[in-house]
Structures are given as C-alpha cells and as structure tokens.
C-alpha cells in the first residue's frame, strides 16, 4: 500500500491553514503518515496537470483519496474527518443537506474575506 493514501492540497501561505494542518497531524498521531500535504502556493502548472483549477484550490480545500478521486470543499473535509475516530459524528451533521449548504456558504465567505485581507482575493 502507498504510504500516502490521501493528498491534501492546502494553502501554505495561509497562517490559519498551516495551523489547521499542524492540528490535524496532532489529532492523527502515528497515522499522520497516511496524508501527503501538498502546498499549492506557486504550483499552478502542477495543479492544472492533475485537473485542479488553481483559483478553486485557493478558495476550496481539495483532497485526493486513495483511488485518485478529488473532493472539494466540505466533501474534502469529510474525507479528512473520517480519519479521526472522534470526529466521525461531525460527518453526519455535515451531510445533512440544509446544514451542509449553510456551512458551505459560511466557509466560502470566511475564505473570501481572508483572501481579501491578504490582498489575494
């Protein structure tokens, strides 16, 4: 089996994204080696090569699973949440359609505000 089963495409120039990565690695503990963290900063060509739009990658978390399927936004978070046993109950709530729509809108608004503050939006 491939050591890295899941690839997370994250914004390495975003301080809160880097903190989130560190926190998630702590939660995973010994299993953190299952994840490859791919910093999307200045990697537009590499992202296009794997059919990920760099502009979307900046605004939405992207995760590629063990089968090569790429998930975006909340679906990407659900893939990650499945890896931490005590976060699995959150998945049920995120899959509830009205809540999923609301969290998705909140997430997009939060990211757009952060990018605007950083002069990247």
PDB file of N, CA and C in Angstrom:
ATOM      1  N   UNK A   1       0.844  -1.196   0.000  1.00  0.00           N
ATOM      2  CA  UNK A   1       0.000   0.000   0.000  1.00  0.00           C
ATOM      3  C   UNK A   1       0.879   1.246   0.000  1.00  0.00           C
ATOM      4  N   UNK A   2       0.455   2.242  -0.718  1.00  0.00           N
ATOM      5  CA  UNK A   2       1.144   3.523  -0.773  1.00  0.00           C
ATOM      6  C   UNK A   2       1.145   4.152   0.614  1.00  0.00           C
ATOM      7  N   UNK A   3       2.301   4.647   1.050  1.00  0.00           N
ATOM      8  CA  UNK A   3       2.389   5.266   2.367  1.00  0.00           C
ATOM      9  C   UNK A   3       1.397   6.413   2.506  1.00  0.00           C
ATOM     10  N   UNK A   4       1.322   7.244   1.476  1.00  0.00           N
ATOM     11  CA  UNK A   4       0.388   8.378   1.489  1.00  0.00           C
ATOM     12  C   UNK A   4      -0.867   7.969   0.733  1.00  0.00           C
ATOM     13  N   UNK A   5      -1.914   7.751   1.474  1.00  0.00           N
ATOM     14  CA  UNK A   5      -3.163   7.327   0.848  1.00  0.00           C
ATOM     15  C   UNK A   5      -4.020   8.530   0.463  1.00  0.00           C
ATOM     16  N   UNK A   6      -3.915   9.614   1.205  1.00  0.00           N
ATOM     17  CA  UNK A   6      -4.723  10.806   0.990  1.00  0.00           C
ATOM     18  C   UNK A   6      -3.785  11.986   0.754  1.00  0.00           C
ATOM     19  N   UNK A   7      -4.103  12.797  -0.248  1.00  0.00           N
ATOM     20  CA  UNK A   7      -3.336  14.014  -0.503  1.00  0.00           C
ATOM     21  C   UNK A   7      -4.235  15.210  -0.220  1.00  0.00           C
ATOM     22  N   UNK A   8      -3.735  16.119   0.609  1.00  0.00           N
ATOM     23  CA  UNK A   8      -4.466  17.339   0.946  1.00  0.00           C
ATOM     24  C   UNK A   8      -3.762  18.500   0.254  1.00  0.00           C
ATOM     25  N   UNK A   9      -4.504  19.223  -0.558  1.00  0.00           N
ATOM     26  CA  UNK A   9      -3.986  20.387  -1.268  1.00  0.00           C
ATOM     27  C   UNK A   9      -4.362  21.609  -0.431  1.00  0.00           C
ATOM     28  N   UNK A  10      -3.366  22.230   0.181  1.00  0.00           N
ATOM     29  CA  UNK A  10      -3.652  23.334   1.104  1.00  0.00           C
ATOM     30  C   UNK A  10      -2.820  24.553   0.759  1.00  0.00           C
ATOM     31  N   UNK A  11      -3.246  25.703   1.252  1.00  0.00           N
ATOM     32  CA  UNK A  11      -2.587  26.979   1.001  1.00  0.00           C
ATOM     33  C   UNK A  11      -1.512  27.197   2.064  1.00  0.00           C
ATOM     34  N   UNK A  12      -0.285  26.900   1.724  1.00  0.00           N
ATOM     35  CA  UNK A  12       0.821  27.025   2.671  1.00  0.00           C
ATOM     36  C   UNK A  12       1.195  28.455   3.006  1.00  0.00           C
ATOM     37  N   UNK A  13       0.661  29.427   2.265  1.00  0.00           N
ATOM     38  CA  UNK A  13       0.927  30.828   2.592  1.00  0.00           C
ATOM     39  C   UNK A  13      -0.178  31.409   3.478  1.00  0.00           C
ATOM     40  N   UNK A  14      -1.078  30.571   3.913  1.00  0.00           N
ATOM     41  CA  UNK A  14      -2.169  30.968   4.808  1.00  0.00           C
ATOM     42  C   UNK A  14      -1.826  30.463   6.218  1.00  0.00           C
ATOM     43  N   UNK A  15      -1.638  31.409   7.148  1.00  0.00           N
ATOM     44  CA  UNK A  15      -1.240  31.021   8.504  1.00  0.00           C
ATOM     45  C   UNK A  15      -2.246  30.091   9.164  1.00  0.00           C
ATOM     46  N   UNK A  16      -3.528  30.393   9.019  1.00  0.00           N
ATOM     47  CA  UNK A  16      -4.534  29.538   9.667  1.00  0.00           C
ATOM     48  C   UNK A  16      -4.583  28.153   9.009  1.00  0.00           C
ATOM     49  N   UNK A  17      -4.301  28.076   7.713  1.00  0.00           N
ATOM     50  CA  UNK A  17      -4.277  26.781   7.030  1.00  0.00           C
ATOM     51  C   UNK A  17      -3.111  25.930   7.536  1.00  0.00           C
ATOM     52  N   UNK A  18      -1.975  26.560   7.753  1.00  0.00           N
ATOM     53  CA  UNK A  18      -0.806  25.852   8.277  1.00  0.00           C
ATOM     54  C   UNK A  18      -1.082  25.378   9.711  1.00  0.00           C
ATOM     55  N   UNK A  19      -1.725  26.230  10.508  1.00  0.00           N
ATOM     56  CA  UNK A  19      -2.104  25.816  11.878  1.00  0.00           C
ATOM     57  C   UNK A  19      -3.081  24.645  11.840  1.00  0.00           C
ATOM     58  N   UNK A  20      -4.046  24.705  10.918  1.00  0.00           N
ATOM     59  CA  UNK A  20      -5.006  23.605  10.780  1.00  0.00           C
ATOM     60  C   UNK A  20      -4.295  22.304  10.412  1.00  0.00           C
ATOM     61  N   UNK A  21      -3.323  22.403   9.526  1.00  0.00           N
ATOM     62  CA  UNK A  21      -2.560  21.211   9.145  1.00  0.00           C
ATOM     63  C   UNK A  21      -1.847  20.627  10.358  1.00  0.00           C
ATOM     64  N   UNK A  22      -1.170  21.469  11.124  1.00  0.00           N
ATOM     65  CA  UNK A  22      -0.446  21.017  12.311  1.00  0.00           C
ATOM     66  C   UNK A  22      -1.407  20.362  13.302  1.00  0.00           C
ATOM     67  N   UNK A  23      -2.542  21.001  13.534  1.00  0.00           N
ATOM     68  CA  UNK A  23      -3.539  20.471  14.469  1.00  0.00           C
ATOM     69  C   UNK A  23      -4.039  19.102  14.002  1.00  0.00           C
ATOM     70  N   UNK A  24      -4.316  18.995  12.716  1.00  0.00           N
ATOM     71  CA  UNK A  24      -4.825  17.737  12.196  1.00  0.00           C
ATOM     72  C   UNK A  24      -3.778  16.633  12.301  1.00  0.00           C
ATOM     73  N   UNK A  25      -2.516  16.969  12.055  1.00  0.00           N
ATOM     74  CA  UNK A  25      -1.447  15.979  12.201  1.00  0.00           C
ATOM     75  C   UNK A  25      -1.360  15.499  13.652  1.00  0.00           C
ATOM     76  N   UNK A  26      -1.547  16.405  14.591  1.00  0.00           N
ATOM     77  CA  UNK A  26      -1.549  16.008  16.004  1.00  0.00           C
ATOM     78  C   UNK A  26      -2.700  15.063  16.298  1.00  0.00           C
ATOM     79  N   UNK A  27      -3.883  15.369  15.783  1.00  0.00           N
ATOM     80  CA  UNK A  27      -5.040  14.516  16.015  1.00  0.00           C
ATOM     81  C   UNK A  27      -4.823  13.112  15.453  1.00  0.00           C
ATOM     82  N   UNK A  28      -4.147  13.021  14.318  1.00  0.00           N
ATOM     83  CA  UNK A  28      -3.904  11.726  13.690  1.00  0.00           C
ATOM     84  C   UNK A  28      -2.825  10.923  14.410  1.00  0.00           C
ATOM     85  N   UNK A  29      -1.895  11.620  15.049  1.00  0.00           N
ATOM     86  CA  UNK A  29      -0.819  10.921  15.750  1.00  0.00           C
ATOM     87  C   UNK A  29       0.012  10.082  14.801  1.00  0.00           C
ATOM     88  N   UNK A  30       0.188   8.818  15.130  1.00  0.00           N
ATOM     89  CA  UNK A  30       1.021   7.911  14.337  1.00  0.00           C
ATOM     90  C   UNK A  30       0.496   7.710  12.918  1.00  0.00           C
ATOM     91  N   UNK A  31      -0.780   7.925  12.733  1.00  0.00           N
ATOM     92  CA  UNK A  31      -1.386   7.730  11.414  1.00  0.00           C
ATOM     93  C   UNK A  31      -1.200   8.933  10.498  1.00  0.00           C
ATOM     94  N   UNK A  32      -0.516   9.973  10.961  1.00  0.00           N
ATOM     95  CA  UNK A  32      -0.355  11.180  10.138  1.00  0.00           C
ATOM     96  C   UNK A  32       0.436  10.903   8.863  1.00  0.00           C
ATOM     97  N   UNK A  33       1.199   9.817   8.823  1.00  0.00           N
ATOM     98  CA  UNK A  33       1.948   9.452   7.626  1.00  0.00           C
ATOM     99  C   UNK A  33       1.067   9.022   6.472  1.00  0.00           C
ATOM    100  N   UNK A  34      -0.226   8.827   6.727  1.00  0.00           N
ATOM    101  CA  UNK A  34      -1.153   8.446   5.659  1.00  0.00           C
ATOM    102  C   UNK A  34      -1.474   9.626   4.752  1.00  0.00           C
ATOM    103  N   UNK A  35      -1.140  10.823   5.198  1.00  0.00           N
ATOM    104  CA  UNK A  35      -1.513  12.022   4.451  1.00  0.00           C
ATOM    105  C   UNK A  35      -0.280  12.678   3.838  1.00  0.00           C
ATOM    106  N   UNK A  36      -0.411  13.017   2.567  1.00  0.00           N
ATOM    107  CA  UNK A  36       0.594  13.846   1.899  1.00  0.00           C
ATOM    108  C   UNK A  36       0.012  15.255   1.859  1.00  0.00           C
ATOM    109  N   UNK A  37       0.785  16.218   2.344  1.00  0.00           N
ATOM    110  CA  UNK A  37       0.338  17.615   2.346  1.00  0.00           C
ATOM    111  C   UNK A  37       1.015  18.316   1.183  1.00  0.00           C
ATOM    112  N   UNK A  38       0.220  18.800   0.254  1.00  0.00           N
ATOM    113  CA  UNK A  38       0.716  19.441  -0.957  1.00  0.00           C
ATOM    114  C   UNK A  38       0.406  20.934  -0.868  1.00  0.00           C
ATOM    115  N   UNK A  39       1.459  21.735  -0.712  1.00  0.00           N
ATOM    116  CA  UNK A  39       1.304  23.195  -0.646  1.00  0.00           C
ATOM    117  C   UNK A  39       1.064  23.716  -2.064  1.00  0.00           C
ATOM    118  N   UNK A  40      -0.088  24.342  -2.274  1.00  0.00           N
ATOM    119  CA  UNK A  40      -0.474  24.798  -3.615  1.00  0.00           C
ATOM    120  C   UNK A  40       0.177  26.114  -4.010  1.00  0.00           C
ATOM    121  N   UNK A  41       0.894  26.754  -3.098  1.00  0.00           N
ATOM    122  CA  UNK A  41       1.493  28.058  -3.370  1.00  0.00           C
ATOM    123  C   UNK A  41       2.444  27.968  -4.565  1.00  0.00           C
ATOM    124  N   UNK A  42       2.181  28.800  -5.570  1.00  0.00           N
ATOM    125  CA  UNK A  42       3.001  28.879  -6.783  1.00  0.00           C
ATOM    126  C   UNK A  42       3.119  27.537  -7.514  1.00  0.00           C
ATOM    127  N   UNK A  43       2.075  26.730  -7.482  1.00  0.00           N
ATOM    128  CA  UNK A  43       2.100  25.408  -8.131  1.00  0.00           C
ATOM    129  C   UNK A  43       0.986  25.275  -9.166  1.00  0.00           C
ATOM    130  N   UNK A  44       0.664  26.376  -9.823  1.00  0.00           N
ATOM    131  CA  UNK A  44      -0.452  26.372 -10.779  1.00  0.00           C
ATOM    132  C   UNK A  44      -0.308  25.292 -11.853  1.00  0.00           C
ATOM    133  N   UNK A  45       0.878  25.182 -12.453  1.00  0.00           N
ATOM    134  CA  UNK A  45       1.072  24.198 -13.526  1.00  0.00           C
ATOM    135  C   UNK A  45       0.865  22.771 -13.023  1.00  0.00           C
ATOM    136  N   UNK A  46       1.398  22.486 -11.829  1.00  0.00           N
ATOM    137  CA  UNK A  46       1.236  21.139 -11.266  1.00  0.00           C
ATOM    138  C   UNK A  46      -0.232  20.847 -10.961  1.00  0.00           C
ATOM    139  N   UNK A  47      -0.958  21.853 -10.497  1.00  0.00           N
ATOM    140  CA  UNK A  47      -2.384  21.668 -10.219  1.00  0.00           C
ATOM    141  C   UNK A  47      -3.159  21.422 -11.512  1.00  0.00           C
ATOM    142  N   UNK A  48      -2.872  22.214 -12.546  1.00  0.00           N
ATOM    143  CA  UNK A  48      -3.556  22.011 -13.832  1.00  0.00           C
ATOM    144  C   UNK A  48      -3.268  20.607 -14.365  1.00  0.00           C
ATOM    145  N   UNK A  49      -2.036  20.113 -14.162  1.00  0.00           N
ATOM    146  CA  UNK A  49      -1.669  18.774 -14.646  1.00  0.00           C
ATOM    147  C   UNK A  49      -2.541  17.679 -14.050  1.00  0.00           C
ATOM    148  N   UNK A  50      -3.081  17.914 -12.863  1.00  0.00           N
ATOM    149  CA  UNK A  50      -3.950  16.913 -12.228  1.00  0.00           C
ATOM    150  C   UNK A  50      -5.407  17.382 -12.208  1.00  0.00           C
ATOM    151  N   UNK A  51      -5.719  18.294 -13.127  1.00  0.00           N
ATOM    152  CA  UNK A  51      -7.102  18.776 -13.340  1.00  0.00           C
ATOM    153  C   UNK A  51      -7.704  19.480 -12.126  1.00  0.00           C
ATOM    154  N   UNK A  52      -6.873  20.226 -11.415  1.00  0.00           N
ATOM    155  CA  UNK A  52      -7.376  21.069 -10.328  1.00  0.00           C
ATOM    156  C   UNK A  52      -7.144  22.518 -10.719  1.00  0.00           C
ATOM    157  N   UNK A  53      -8.204  23.292 -10.734  1.00  0.00           N
ATOM    158  CA  UNK A  53      -8.138  24.718 -11.051  1.00  0.00           C
ATOM    159  C   UNK A  53      -7.463  25.432  -9.871  1.00  0.00           C
ATOM    160  N   UNK A  54      -6.307  26.072 -10.097  1.00  0.00           N
ATOM    161  CA  UNK A  54      -5.596  26.741  -9.004  1.00  0.00           C
ATOM    162  C   UNK A  54      -6.431  27.796  -8.269  1.00  0.00           C
ATOM    163  N   UNK A  55      -7.290  28.513  -8.999  1.00  0.00           N
ATOM    164  CA  UNK A  55      -8.140  29.522  -8.351  1.00  0.00           C
ATOM    165  C   UNK A  55      -9.130  28.864  -7.396  1.00  0.00           C
ATOM    166  N   UNK A  56      -9.683  27.722  -7.798  1.00  0.00           N
ATOM    167  CA  UNK A  56     -10.586  26.990  -6.906  1.00  0.00           C
ATOM    168  C   UNK A  56      -9.821  26.370  -5.742  1.00  0.00           C
ATOM    169  N   UNK A  57      -8.615  25.894  -6.005  1.00  0.00           N
ATOM    170  CA  UNK A  57      -7.819  25.287  -4.939  1.00  0.00           C
ATOM    171  C   UNK A  57      -7.495  26.304  -3.847  1.00  0.00           C
ATOM    172  N   UNK A  58      -7.391  27.558  -4.232  1.00  0.00           N
ATOM    173  CA  UNK A  58      -7.116  28.611  -3.262  1.00  0.00           C
ATOM    174  C   UNK A  58      -8.345  28.889  -2.388  1.00  0.00           C
ATOM    175  N   UNK A  59      -9.521  28.713  -2.938  1.00  0.00           N
ATOM    176  CA  UNK A  59     -10.769  29.048  -2.237  1.00  0.00           C
ATOM    177  C   UNK A  59     -11.472  27.853  -1.601  1.00  0.00           C
ATOM    178  N   UNK A  60     -11.128  26.642  -2.025  1.00  0.00           N
ATOM    179  CA  UNK A  60     -11.784  25.443  -1.514  1.00  0.00           C
ATOM    180  C   UNK A  60     -10.729  24.379  -1.227  1.00  0.00           C
ATOM    181  N   UNK A  61     -10.851  23.755  -0.070  1.00  0.00           N
ATOM    182  CA  UNK A  61      -9.964  22.640   0.224  1.00  0.00           C
ATOM    183  C   UNK A  61     -10.203  21.535  -0.792  1.00  0.00           C
ATOM    184  N   UNK A  62      -9.131  20.952  -1.296  1.00  0.00           N
ATOM    185  CA  UNK A  62      -9.201  19.812  -2.206  1.00  0.00           C
ATOM    186  C   UNK A  62      -8.452  18.652  -1.565  1.00  0.00           C
ATOM    187  N   UNK A  63      -9.041  17.469  -1.649  1.00  0.00           N
ATOM    188  CA  UNK A  63      -8.428  16.250  -1.118  1.00  0.00           C
ATOM    189  C   UNK A  63      -8.568  15.163  -2.169  1.00  0.00           C
ATOM    190  N   UNK A  64      -7.466  14.454  -2.413  1.00  0.00           N
ATOM    191  CA  UNK A  64      -7.500  13.308  -3.330  1.00  0.00           C
ATOM    192  C   UNK A  64      -7.414  12.043  -2.482  1.00  0.00           C
ATOM    193  N   UNK A  65      -8.344  11.116  -2.692  1.00  0.00           N
ATOM    194  CA  UNK A  65      -8.366   9.897  -1.881  1.00  0.00           C
ATOM    195  C   UNK A  65      -7.461   8.823  -2.480  1.00  0.00           C
ATOM    196  N   UNK A  66      -7.468   7.664  -1.861  1.00  0.00           N
ATOM    197  CA  UNK A  66      -6.597   6.547  -2.264  1.00  0.00           C
ATOM    198  C   UNK A  66      -6.877   6.052  -3.679  1.00  0.00           C
ATOM    199  N   UNK A  67      -8.088   6.310  -4.175  1.00  0.00           N
ATOM    200  CA  UNK A  67      -8.455   5.873  -5.518  1.00  0.00           C
ATOM    201  C   UNK A  67      -8.233   6.954  -6.569  1.00  0.00           C
ATOM    202  N   UNK A  68      -7.661   8.091  -6.151  1.00  0.00           N
ATOM    203  CA  UNK A  68      -7.385   9.172  -7.086  1.00  0.00           C
ATOM    204  C   UNK A  68      -8.549  10.114  -7.310  1.00  0.00           C
ATOM    205  N   UNK A  69      -9.637   9.941  -6.569  1.00  0.00           N
ATOM    206  CA  UNK A  69     -10.803  10.809  -6.701  1.00  0.00           C
ATOM    207  C   UNK A  69     -10.552  12.087  -5.914  1.00  0.00           C
ATOM    208  N   UNK A  70     -10.797  13.230  -6.548  1.00  0.00           N
ATOM    209  CA  UNK A  70     -10.596  14.529  -5.902  1.00  0.00           C
ATOM    210  C   UNK A  70     -11.929  15.041  -5.384  1.00  0.00           C
ATOM    211  N   UNK A  71     -11.933  15.435  -4.099  1.00  0.00           N
ATOM    212  CA  UNK A  71     -13.115  16.009  -3.449  1.00  0.00           C
ATOM    213  C   UNK A  71     -12.814  17.454  -3.117  1.00  0.00           C
ATOM    214  N   UNK A  72     -13.874  18.293  -3.125  1.00  0.00           N
ATOM    215  CA  UNK A  72     -13.708  19.718  -2.857  1.00  0.00           C
ATOM    216  C   UNK A  72     -14.558  20.140  -1.673  1.00  0.00           C
ATOM    217  N   UNK A  73     -14.121  21.234  -1.054  1.00  0.00           N
ATOM    218  CA  UNK A  73     -14.844  21.934  -0.006  1.00  0.00           C
ATOM    219  C   UNK A  73     -15.267  20.991   1.111  1.00  0.00           C
ATOM    220  N   UNK A  74     -16.553  20.952   1.472  1.00  0.00           N
ATOM    221  CA  UNK A  74     -16.990  20.141   2.613  1.00  0.00           C
ATOM    222  C   UNK A  74     -16.803  18.649   2.372  1.00  0.00           C
ATOM    223  N   UNK A  75     -16.967  18.208   1.136  1.00  0.00           N
ATOM    224  CA  UNK A  75     -16.728  16.796   0.842  1.00  0.00           C
ATOM    225  C   UNK A  75     -15.270  16.425   1.120  1.00  0.00           C
ATOM    226  N   UNK A  76     -14.367  17.364   0.877  1.00  0.00           N
ATOM    227  CA  UNK A  76     -12.953  17.140   1.190  1.00  0.00           C
ATOM    228  C   UNK A  76     -12.749  17.042   2.701  1.00  0.00           C
ATOM    229  N   UNK A  77     -13.401  17.918   3.446  1.00  0.00           N
ATOM    230  CA  UNK A  77     -13.300  17.862   4.904  1.00  0.00           C
ATOM    231  C   UNK A  77     -13.847  16.548   5.440  1.00  0.00           C
ATOM    232  N   UNK A  78     -14.903  16.050   4.839  1.00  0.00           N
ATOM    233  CA  UNK A  78     -15.486  14.782   5.289  1.00  0.00           C
ATOM    234  C   UNK A  78     -14.483  13.645   5.131  1.00  0.00           C
ATOM    235  N   UNK A  79     -13.736  13.641   4.028  1.00  0.00           N
ATOM    236  CA  UNK A  79     -12.692  12.620   3.835  1.00  0.00           C
ATOM    237  C   UNK A  79     -11.686  12.689   4.990  1.00  0.00           C
ATOM    238  N   UNK A  80     -11.287  13.896   5.360  1.00  0.00           N
ATOM    239  CA  UNK A  80     -10.327  14.049   6.461  1.00  0.00           C
ATOM    240  C   UNK A  80     -10.932  13.665   7.802  1.00  0.00           C
ATOM    241  N   UNK A  81     -12.149  14.067   8.041  1.00  0.00           N
ATOM    242  CA  UNK A  81     -12.800  13.762   9.322  1.00  0.00           C
ATOM    243  C   UNK A  81     -12.921  12.257   9.548  1.00  0.00           C
ATOM    244  N   UNK A  82     -13.082  11.498   8.483  1.00  0.00           N
ATOM    245  CA  UNK A  82     -13.178  10.037   8.605  1.00  0.00           C
ATOM    246  C   UNK A  82     -11.908   9.415   9.171  1.00  0.00           C
ATOM    247  N   UNK A  83     -10.803  10.115   9.068  1.00  0.00           N
ATOM    248  CA  UNK A  83      -9.528   9.579   9.539  1.00  0.00           C
ATOM    249  C   UNK A  83      -9.326   9.719  11.046  1.00  0.00           C
ATOM    250  N   UNK A  84     -10.149  10.533  11.687  1.00  0.00           N
ATOM    251  CA  UNK A  84     -10.025  10.755  13.135  1.00  0.00           C
ATOM    252  C   UNK A  84     -11.309  10.232  13.781  1.00  0.00           C
ATOM    253  N   UNK A  85     -11.191   9.157  14.533  1.00  0.00           N
ATOM    254  CA  UNK A  85     -12.374   8.449  15.038  1.00  0.00           C
ATOM    255  C   UNK A  85     -13.349   9.353  15.785  1.00  0.00           C
ATOM    256  N   UNK A  86     -12.840  10.265  16.605  1.00  0.00           N
ATOM    257  CA  UNK A  86     -13.741  11.068  17.427  1.00  0.00           C
ATOM    258  C   UNK A  86     -14.370  12.238  16.660  1.00  0.00           C
ATOM    259  N   UNK A  87     -13.956  12.439  15.411  1.00  0.00           N
ATOM    260  CA  UNK A  87     -14.593  13.458  14.572  1.00  0.00           C
ATOM    261  C   UNK A  87     -15.664  12.876  13.650  1.00  0.00           C
ATOM    262  N   UNK A  88     -15.771  11.570  13.616  1.00  0.00           N
ATOM    263  CA  UNK A  88     -16.738  10.927  12.719  1.00  0.00           C
ATOM    264  C   UNK A  88     -18.184  11.377  12.953  1.00  0.00           C
ATOM    265  N   UNK A  89     -18.614  11.635  14.193  1.00  0.00           N
ATOM    266  CA  UNK A  89     -20.000  12.116  14.361  1.00  0.00           C
ATOM    267  C   UNK A  89     -20.282  13.444  13.651  1.00  0.00           C
ATOM    268  N   UNK A  90     -19.263  14.253  13.463  1.00  0.00           N
ATOM    269  CA  UNK A  90     -19.442  15.538  12.772  1.00  0.00           C
ATOM    270  C   UNK A  90     -19.870  15.303  11.318  1.00  0.00           C
ATOM    271  N   UNK A  91     -19.416  14.195  10.756  1.00  0.00           N
ATOM    272  CA  UNK A  91     -19.745  13.877   9.363  1.00  0.00           C
ATOM    273  C   UNK A  91     -21.256  13.806   9.164  1.00  0.00           C
ATOM    274  N   UNK A  92     -21.951  13.186  10.091  1.00  0.00           N
ATOM    275  CA  UNK A  92     -23.398  13.048   9.958  1.00  0.00           C
ATOM    276  C   UNK A  92     -24.054  14.421   9.835  1.00  0.00           C
ATOM    277  N   UNK A  93     -23.625  15.350  10.675  1.00  0.00           N
ATOM    278  CA  UNK A  93     -24.198  16.690  10.632  1.00  0.00           C
ATOM    279  C   UNK A  93     -23.862  17.408   9.325  1.00  0.00           C
ATOM    280  N   UNK A  94     -22.624  17.251   8.863  1.00  0.00           N
ATOM    281  CA  UNK A  94     -22.219  17.925   7.625  1.00  0.00           C
ATOM    282  C   UNK A  94     -22.927  17.355   6.397  1.00  0.00           C
ATOM    283  N   UNK A  95     -23.410  16.135   6.487  1.00  0.00           N
ATOM    284  CA  UNK A  95     -24.097  15.542   5.349  1.00  0.00           C
ATOM    285  C   UNK A  95     -25.587  15.864   5.335  1.00  0.00           C
ATOM    286  N   UNK A  96     -26.088  16.478   6.379  1.00  0.00           N
ATOM    287  CA  UNK A  96     -27.483  16.893   6.432  1.00  0.00           C
ATOM    288  C   UNK A  96     -27.631  18.098   5.496  1.00  0.00           C
ATOM    289  N   UNK A  97     -28.394  17.968   4.389  1.00  0.00           N
ATOM    290  CA  UNK A  97     -28.383  18.984   3.321  1.00  0.00           C
ATOM    291  C   UNK A  97     -28.537  20.444   3.760  1.00  0.00           C
ATOM    292  N   UNK A  98     -29.522  20.809   4.598  1.00  0.00           N
ATOM    293  CA  UNK A  98     -29.620  22.236   4.958  1.00  0.00           C
ATOM    294  C   UNK A  98     -28.389  22.730   5.718  1.00  0.00           C
ATOM    295  N   UNK A  99     -27.876  21.904   6.593  1.00  0.00           N
ATOM    296  CA  UNK A  99     -26.688  22.298   7.353  1.00  0.00           C
ATOM    297  C   UNK A  99     -25.461  22.364   6.447  1.00  0.00           C
ATOM    298  N   UNK A 100     -25.360  21.423   5.538  1.00  0.00           N
ATOM    299  CA  UNK A 100     -24.226  21.405   4.604  1.00  0.00           C
ATOM    300  C   UNK A 100     -24.215  22.681   3.765  1.00  0.00           C
ATOM    301  N   UNK A 101     -25.390  23.104   3.277  1.00  0.00           N
ATOM    302  CA  UNK A 101     -25.463  24.347   2.491  1.00  0.00           C
ATOM    303  C   UNK A 101     -25.039  25.548   3.320  1.00  0.00           C
ATOM    304  N   UNK A 102     -25.508  25.621   4.557  1.00  0.00           N
ATOM    305  CA  UNK A 102     -25.178  26.747   5.426  1.00  0.00           C
ATOM    306  C   UNK A 102     -23.682  26.783   5.746  1.00  0.00           C
ATOM    307  N   UNK A 103     -23.113  25.635   6.116  1.00  0.00           N
ATOM    308  CA  UNK A 103     -21.680  25.578   6.433  1.00  0.00           C
ATOM    309  C   UNK A 103     -20.862  25.908   5.192  1.00  0.00           C
ATOM    310  N   UNK A 104     -21.289  25.431   4.038  1.00  0.00           N
ATOM    311  CA  UNK A 104     -20.590  25.717   2.792  1.00  0.00           C
ATOM    312  C   UNK A 104     -20.569  27.212   2.496  1.00  0.00           C
ATOM    313  N   UNK A 105     -21.709  27.865   2.669  1.00  0.00           N
ATOM    314  CA  UNK A 105     -21.771  29.320   2.446  1.00  0.00           C
ATOM    315  C   UNK A 105     -20.883  30.050   3.441  1.00  0.00           C
ATOM    316  N   UNK A 106     -20.926  29.657   4.706  1.00  0.00           N
ATOM    317  CA  UNK A 106     -20.093  30.284   5.733  1.00  0.00           C
ATOM    318  C   UNK A 106     -18.612  30.106   5.393  1.00  0.00           C
ATOM    319  N   UNK A 107     -18.246  28.896   4.991  1.00  0.00           N
ATOM    320  CA  UNK A 107     -16.853  28.586   4.656  1.00  0.00           C
ATOM    321  C   UNK A 107     -16.365  29.465   3.505  1.00  0.00           C
ATOM    322  N   UNK A 108     -17.159  29.540   2.425  1.00  0.00           N
ATOM    323  CA  UNK A 108     -16.756  30.357   1.267  1.00  0.00           C
ATOM    324  C   UNK A 108     -16.610  31.824   1.656  1.00  0.00           C
ATOM    325  N   UNK A 109     -17.546  32.318   2.452  1.00  0.00           N
ATOM    326  CA  UNK A 109     -17.478  33.718   2.891  1.00  0.00           C
ATOM    327  C   UNK A 109     -16.223  33.953   3.739  1.00  0.00           C
ATOM    328  N   UNK A 110     -15.935  33.045   4.637  1.00  0.00           N
ATOM    329  CA  UNK A 110     -14.761  33.154   5.503  1.00  0.00           C
ATOM    330  C   UNK A 110     -13.464  33.165   4.676  1.00  0.00           C
ATOM    331  N   UNK A 111     -13.367  32.265   3.720  1.00  0.00           N
ATOM    332  CA  UNK A 111     -12.165  32.185   2.880  1.00  0.00           C
ATOM    333  C   UNK A 111     -12.035  33.436   2.017  1.00  0.00           C
ATOM    334  N   UNK A 112     -13.120  33.887   1.410  1.00  0.00           N
ATOM    335  CA  UNK A 112     -13.064  35.087   0.571  1.00  0.00           C
ATOM    336  C   UNK A 112     -12.644  36.316   1.384  1.00  0.00           C
ATOM    337  N   UNK A 113     -13.126  36.431   2.608  1.00  0.00           N
ATOM    338  CA  UNK A 113     -12.721  37.543   3.473  1.00  0.00           C
ATOM    339  C   UNK A 113     -11.235  37.461   3.819  1.00  0.00           C
ATOM    340  N   UNK A 114     -10.757  36.253   4.118  1.00  0.00           N
ATOM    341  CA  UNK A 114      -9.335  36.076   4.432  1.00  0.00           C
ATOM    342  C   UNK A 114      -8.468  36.446   3.233  1.00  0.00           C
ATOM    343  N   UNK A 115      -8.838  35.975   2.060  1.00  0.00           N
ATOM    344  CA  UNK A 115      -8.056  36.283   0.865  1.00  0.00           C
ATOM    345  C   UNK A 115      -8.069  37.783   0.564  1.00  0.00           C
ATOM    346  N   UNK A 116      -9.199  38.427   0.777  1.00  0.00           N
ATOM    347  CA  UNK A 116      -9.287  39.879   0.565  1.00  0.00           C
ATOM    348  C   UNK A 116      -8.378  40.617   1.548  1.00  0.00           C
ATOM    349  N   UNK A 117      -8.379  40.202   2.817  1.00  0.00           N
ATOM    350  CA  UNK A 117      -7.497  40.826   3.821  1.00  0.00           C
ATOM    351  C   UNK A 117      -6.032  40.682   3.442  1.00  0.00           C
ATOM    352  N   UNK A 118      -5.694  39.530   2.861  1.00  0.00           N
ATOM    353  CA  UNK A 118      -4.308  39.252   2.482  1.00  0.00           C
ATOM    354  C   UNK A 118      -3.947  39.843   1.124  1.00  0.00           C
ATOM    355  N   UNK A 119      -4.917  40.471   0.467  1.00  0.00           N
ATOM    356  CA  UNK A 119      -4.665  41.049  -0.852  1.00  0.00           C
ATOM    357  C   UNK A 119      -4.549  40.004  -1.940  1.00  0.00           C
ATOM    358  N   UNK A 120      -5.135  38.833  -1.722  1.00  0.00           N
ATOM    359  CA  UNK A 120      -5.062  37.751  -2.702  1.00  0.00           C
ATOM    360  C   UNK A 120      -6.436  37.401  -3.249  1.00  0.00           C
ATOM    361  N   UNK A 121      -7.440  38.196  -2.900  1.00  0.00           N
ATOM    362  CA  UNK A 121      -8.804  37.873  -3.330  1.00  0.00           C
ATOM    363  C   UNK A 121      -9.234  38.769  -4.385  1.00  0.00           C
TER     364      UNK A 121
END
